[in-house]
Amino acid sequence: MIRRLIRNFLESKPSYEVCGEAVDGVDAVEKATELKPDLIILDLSMPRMNGLEAARLLKSRMKEVPVILCTNYADALRHSDIEDAGVSVFSKTAPIEGLATKIESLLHVV
């Protein structure tokens, strides 16, 4: 449901294009490696490989691509884990419009 909400929100913005979706962390790594997106949005809670693990792997392969980790448990994440993975965190409980602000800041959109 959250993935669909985020996709619909992004597709409603003329400056964004969703190039792919993944069903789990392993699929996310495979698709991002193949599609080479400008930005990656992951969920912390994914089967087969959680979002933090997927982010670490993706950042090792695609250092310059910003990664946003969506979670209901932002407070439970250790700052060092977030920093080590090189991700930005977005709370699923925050207004969805805040995601656009985060994306714009990461992509340096004015």
Protein backbone atom coordinates (compact mmCIF):
# COMPACT_ATOMS: atom_id res chain seq x y z
CA MET A 1 0.00 0.00 0.00
CA ILE A 2 2.80 2.44 0.89
CA ARG A 3 4.67 1.59 -2.32
CA ARG A 4 1.53 2.35 -4.36
CA LEU A 5 0.96 5.61 -2.46
CA ILE A 6 4.53 6.76 -3.08
CA ARG A 7 4.40 5.75 -6.75
CA ASN A 8 1.09 7.60 -7.30
CA PHE A 9 2.44 10.66 -5.51
CA LEU A 10 5.63 10.72 -7.58
CA GLU A 11 3.80 10.12 -10.84
CA SER A 12 1.54 13.09 -10.07
CA LYS A 13 4.61 15.33 -10.24
CA PRO A 14 5.63 16.26 -13.79
CA SER A 15 9.33 16.34 -12.92
CA TYR A 16 9.44 12.74 -11.58
CA GLU A 17 9.38 9.45 -13.42
CA VAL A 18 9.21 6.10 -11.67
CA CYS A 19 11.45 3.73 -13.61
CA GLY A 20 10.84 0.60 -11.57
CA GLU A 21 9.48 -1.11 -8.48
CA ALA A 22 10.78 -4.05 -6.52
CA VAL A 23 9.03 -6.70 -4.46
CA ASP A 24 11.89 -7.17 -1.97
CA GLY A 25 15.43 -6.10 -1.16
CA VAL A 26 17.14 -8.51 -3.54
CA ASP A 27 14.85 -7.43 -6.38
CA ALA A 28 15.54 -3.77 -5.50
CA VAL A 29 19.29 -4.25 -5.81
CA GLU A 30 18.94 -6.10 -9.11
CA LYS A 31 16.54 -3.55 -10.64
CA ALA A 32 18.47 -0.50 -9.45
CA THR A 33 21.71 -1.95 -10.83
CA GLU A 34 20.01 -2.55 -14.17
CA LEU A 35 17.90 0.63 -14.42
CA LYS A 36 20.46 3.08 -12.94
CA PRO A 37 17.94 5.52 -11.41
CA ASP A 38 18.74 9.05 -10.26
CA LEU A 39 17.33 8.24 -6.81
CA ILE A 40 16.32 5.09 -4.95
CA ILE A 41 13.54 4.82 -2.36
CA LEU A 42 13.60 1.71 -0.18
CA ASP A 43 11.45 0.43 2.62
CA LEU A 44 13.29 -0.65 5.75
CA SER A 45 11.02 -3.70 6.14
CA MET A 46 11.44 -5.81 3.01
CA PRO A 47 11.65 -9.58 2.63
CA ARG A 48 14.86 -11.43 1.67
CA MET A 49 17.03 -8.32 2.32
CA ASN A 50 15.94 -5.38 4.43
CA GLY A 51 16.23 -1.82 3.20
CA LEU A 52 19.33 -1.00 5.21
CA GLU A 53 21.19 -4.01 3.81
CA ALA A 54 20.01 -3.22 0.28
CA ALA A 55 21.07 0.42 0.71
CA ARG A 56 24.56 -0.56 1.82
CA LEU A 57 24.97 -2.83 -1.19
CA LEU A 58 23.56 -0.25 -3.60
CA LYS A 59 25.74 2.54 -2.21
CA SER A 60 28.81 0.34 -2.69
CA ARG A 61 27.86 -0.05 -6.36
CA MET A 62 26.29 3.36 -7.03
CA LYS A 63 27.97 5.81 -4.65
CA GLU A 64 26.52 8.96 -6.18
CA VAL A 65 22.87 7.82 -6.22
CA PRO A 66 20.90 9.13 -3.24
CA VAL A 67 18.92 6.56 -1.27
CA ILE A 68 15.88 7.30 0.88
CA LEU A 69 14.92 4.71 3.46
CA CYS A 70 11.22 4.78 4.39
CA THR A 71 10.27 3.42 7.77
CA ASN A 72 7.80 3.61 10.61
CA TYR A 73 10.74 3.08 12.98
CA ALA A 74 13.05 6.01 12.25
CA ASP A 75 13.66 6.52 15.97
CA ALA A 76 14.75 2.90 16.35
CA LEU A 77 17.51 3.22 13.74
CA ARG A 78 20.97 3.97 15.05
CA HIS A 79 22.47 7.15 13.65
CA SER A 80 25.68 5.26 12.88
CA ASP A 81 23.76 2.69 10.78
CA ILE A 82 22.10 5.46 8.78
CA GLU A 83 25.39 7.25 8.29
CA ASP A 84 27.31 4.08 7.40
CA ALA A 85 24.68 3.12 4.82
CA GLY A 86 24.72 6.64 3.35
CA VAL A 87 20.94 7.00 3.36
CA SER A 88 18.40 9.63 4.20
CA VAL A 89 15.43 8.53 6.28
CA PHE A 90 11.79 9.38 5.66
CA SER A 91 9.11 8.45 8.17
CA LYS A 92 6.05 6.77 6.69
CA THR A 93 3.99 8.66 9.25
CA ALA A 94 5.12 12.05 7.91
CA PRO A 95 3.01 13.89 5.33
CA ILE A 96 3.79 12.52 1.85
CA GLU A 97 4.57 16.03 0.60
CA GLY A 98 7.67 15.93 2.79
CA LEU A 99 9.02 13.20 0.54
CA ALA A 100 9.08 15.64 -2.39
CA THR A 101 11.05 18.11 -0.27
CA LYS A 102 13.55 15.39 0.66
CA ILE A 103 13.90 14.28 -2.97
CA GLU A 104 14.42 17.83 -4.16
CA SER A 105 17.13 18.43 -1.57
CA LEU A 106 18.94 15.20 -2.47
CA LEU A 107 18.76 15.85 -6.20
CA HIS A 108 19.55 19.55 -5.70
CA VAL A 109 16.37 20.58 -7.54
CA VAL A 110 15.52 24.24 -7.27
